[in-house]
Protein backbone atom coordinates (compact mmCIF):
# COMPACT_ATOMS: atom_id res chain seq x y z
CA MET A 1 10.11 -3.52 -32.84
CA LEU A 2 11.66 -4.44 -29.31
CA GLU A 3 14.77 -6.08 -30.99
CA PHE A 4 14.77 -9.39 -29.28
CA GLY A 5 16.42 -11.29 -32.03
CA GLU A 6 16.31 -14.88 -32.00
CA LYS A 7 14.37 -15.15 -28.62
CA ASN A 8 11.15 -13.35 -30.02
CA HIS A 9 9.07 -16.14 -29.99
CA GLU A 10 10.17 -17.31 -26.36
CA VAL A 11 9.34 -13.81 -25.14
CA SER A 12 6.15 -13.56 -26.72
CA MET A 13 5.08 -17.07 -25.46
CA THR A 14 6.02 -15.83 -22.11
CA ALA A 15 4.28 -12.70 -22.37
CA MET A 16 0.96 -14.73 -23.59
CA ARG A 17 1.43 -16.97 -20.14
CA LEU A 18 1.65 -13.65 -18.19
CA VAL A 19 -1.38 -12.18 -19.73
CA GLN A 20 -3.15 -15.66 -19.18
CA ARG A 21 -2.43 -15.38 -15.59
CA MET A 22 -3.35 -11.68 -15.50
CA LYS A 23 -6.72 -12.60 -16.85
CA ARG A 24 -7.21 -15.56 -14.39
CA ASP A 25 -6.34 -12.97 -11.58
CA TRP A 26 -9.09 -10.77 -12.96
CA MET A 27 -6.71 -7.96 -13.95
CA HIS A 28 -8.03 -7.56 -17.31
CA THR A 29 -11.50 -6.43 -16.24
CA GLY A 30 -12.30 -3.00 -17.02
CA ARG A 31 -8.75 -2.45 -18.51
CA ARG A 32 -7.71 -1.85 -21.81
CA PRO A 33 -5.49 -4.66 -23.38
CA SER A 34 -2.74 -2.52 -24.24
CA GLY A 35 -1.67 -1.99 -20.86
CA LEU A 36 -1.72 -5.53 -20.00
CA CYS A 37 0.34 -6.58 -22.81
CA GLY A 38 2.93 -3.57 -22.18
CA ALA A 39 3.36 -4.90 -18.47
CA ALA A 40 3.55 -8.44 -19.64
CA LEU A 41 6.05 -7.61 -22.51
CA LEU A 42 8.16 -5.76 -20.09
CA VAL A 43 7.99 -8.94 -17.40
CA ALA A 44 8.99 -11.06 -19.99
CA ALA A 45 11.51 -9.47 -21.79
CA ARG A 46 13.22 -9.28 -18.27
CA MET A 47 12.56 -12.87 -17.45
CA HIS A 48 15.01 -13.71 -20.66
CA ASP A 49 17.65 -10.97 -19.70
CA PHE A 50 16.93 -8.65 -21.88
CA ARG A 51 16.93 -5.08 -20.48
CA ARG A 52 14.53 -2.76 -21.71
CA THR A 53 12.65 0.09 -20.17
CA THR A 54 9.36 1.10 -19.31
CA LYS A 55 10.01 4.08 -22.02
CA GLU A 56 10.59 1.52 -24.62
CA ILE A 57 7.68 -0.65 -23.94
CA VAL A 58 5.40 2.51 -23.69
CA SER A 59 6.57 3.60 -27.42
CA VAL A 60 5.60 0.27 -28.51
CA VAL A 61 2.27 -0.32 -26.82
CA LYS A 62 1.17 3.19 -26.74
CA VAL A 63 0.18 3.62 -23.48
CA CYS A 64 1.01 5.75 -20.66
CA GLU A 65 3.76 4.89 -18.47
CA GLN A 66 1.66 5.58 -15.59
CA THR A 67 -0.47 2.97 -16.75
CA LEU A 68 2.08 0.28 -17.06
CA LYS A 69 3.62 0.98 -13.65
CA LYS A 70 0.06 0.40 -12.21
CA ARG A 71 -0.36 -2.88 -13.92
CA LEU A 72 2.87 -3.86 -13.10
CA THR A 73 2.03 -3.00 -9.29
CA GLU A 74 -1.04 -4.75 -9.63
CA PHE A 75 0.44 -7.71 -10.84
CA GLY A 76 3.11 -7.65 -8.08
CA ASP A 77 0.41 -8.18 -5.79
CA THR A 78 -0.89 -11.44 -7.05
CA PRO A 79 0.76 -14.89 -6.21
CA THR A 80 2.39 -15.40 -9.43
CA SER A 81 4.71 -12.66 -9.06
CA GLN A 82 6.28 -14.38 -5.86
CA LEU A 83 7.26 -17.54 -8.32
CA THR A 84 10.86 -17.79 -9.40
CA ILE A 85 11.15 -17.72 -13.34
CA GLU A 86 11.67 -21.67 -13.20
CA GLU A 87 8.56 -22.24 -11.29
CA PHE A 88 6.61 -19.73 -13.44
CA MET A 89 7.38 -21.98 -16.32
CA LYS A 90 6.89 -25.01 -14.94
CA VAL A 91 3.96 -24.66 -12.22
CA ASP A 92 0.30 -23.54 -13.34
CA LEU A 93 -1.15 -21.96 -10.13
CA ASP A 94 -5.09 -23.27 -9.91
CA GLN A 95 -5.92 -20.28 -7.43
CA GLU A 96 -7.46 -16.80 -8.41
CA CYS A 97 -6.90 -13.70 -7.06
CA ASP A 98 -9.70 -11.09 -6.35
CA PRO A 99 -9.94 -8.24 -8.62
CA PRO A 100 -7.72 -5.44 -7.93
CA CYS A 101 -10.49 -2.75 -7.42
CA PHE A 102 -12.06 -5.41 -4.89
CA THR A 103 -8.61 -5.41 -2.98
CA SER A 104 -8.30 -2.11 -3.19
CA GLY A 105 -11.74 -1.39 -1.55
CA LEU A 106 -10.80 -3.95 1.10
CA GLN A 107 -7.96 -2.14 1.92
CA LYS A 108 -9.75 1.39 2.03
CA ILE A 109 -12.32 -0.39 4.53
CA LYS A 110 -9.36 -1.86 6.65
CA CYS A 111 -7.92 1.56 6.87
CA GLN A 112 -10.74 3.15 7.78
CA GLN A 113 -11.47 0.73 10.48
CA LEU A 114 -7.87 1.35 11.95
CA GLU A 115 -8.24 4.93 11.94
CA ALA A 116 -11.48 4.92 13.64
CA GLU A 117 -10.31 2.26 16.52
CA LEU A 118 -6.83 4.77 16.85
CA LYS A 119 -9.16 7.59 17.11
CA LYS A 120 -10.98 5.77 19.81
CA ARG A 121 -7.72 5.01 21.66
CA ILE A 122 -6.41 8.27 21.82
CA GLY A 123 -9.49 9.76 22.73
CA ASP A 124 -9.25 7.13 25.84
CA VAL A 125 -5.61 7.87 26.51
CA GLU A 126 -6.44 11.58 26.47
CA ASP A 127 -8.94 11.22 29.13
CA GLU A 128 -6.74 8.99 31.46
CA ILE A 129 -4.26 11.97 31.06
CA TYR A 130 -6.77 14.32 31.89
CA ASN A 131 -7.74 12.29 34.84
CA TYR A 132 -4.17 12.14 36.01
CA GLN A 133 -3.45 15.62 35.44
CA ASP A 134 -6.58 16.59 38.02
CA GLU A 135 -5.38 14.01 40.72
CA ILE A 136 -1.81 15.81 40.15
CA ASP A 137 -3.37 19.30 40.63
CA THR A 138 -5.24 18.05 43.86
CA GLU A 139 -2.07 16.56 45.58
CA LEU A 140 -0.20 19.55 44.67
CA GLN A 141 -2.80 21.63 46.22
CA ALA A 142 -3.09 19.56 49.49
CA SER A 143 0.89 19.49 49.55
CA ARG A 144 1.36 23.34 49.42
CA PRO A 145 2.23 25.01 52.68
CA LYS A 146 -0.93 27.19 54.27
CA LEU A 147 0.20 30.81 54.21
CA ARG A 148 -0.30 32.80 57.49
CA GLY A 149 -0.35 36.18 58.83
CA VAL A 150 0.44 39.05 56.02
CA TYR A 151 0.85 36.79 53.15
CA ALA A 152 -2.58 35.17 53.76
CA ALA A 153 -4.67 38.22 52.89
CA TYR A 154 -2.61 38.78 49.56
CA ALA A 155 -2.74 34.92 48.36
CA LYS A 156 -6.67 35.15 48.68
CA GLY A 157 -6.56 37.97 46.45
CA GLY A 158 -5.28 36.24 43.83
CA ARG A 159 -1.78 37.85 43.64
CA PHE A 160 0.62 34.61 44.17
């Protein structure tokens, strides 16, 4: 349906290798196969110099375009996505990735920890600023000239 012509078998075999790699990287857990197949087809087509759009892939595999983009993003976070085409065809990585839901959970925890640390640092900086502000106010009060005579009575009343 995507009109790969003579390279139909090559593209489908590359897509199969991609799906196998996605399974090894735990991307298949809790996912429908059509989303993985769509992402694998798109990547395989582009690896073999076929310019297929996401809309063309979506019409064939019957998934939402957003789902396809999400699977591509998840695949982009794996070490396999960093390989060149030649390396992917020759090398079979033995290492596995953590599941996407696990890594996203770790990222959320890390963000929360950073946020708490930043709030603490901001609080420390604000306290330091207030201390400096108090020191500046006391120095200004001490360095002001004392008023004498008629003006001193007005200064005590708070008019100046």
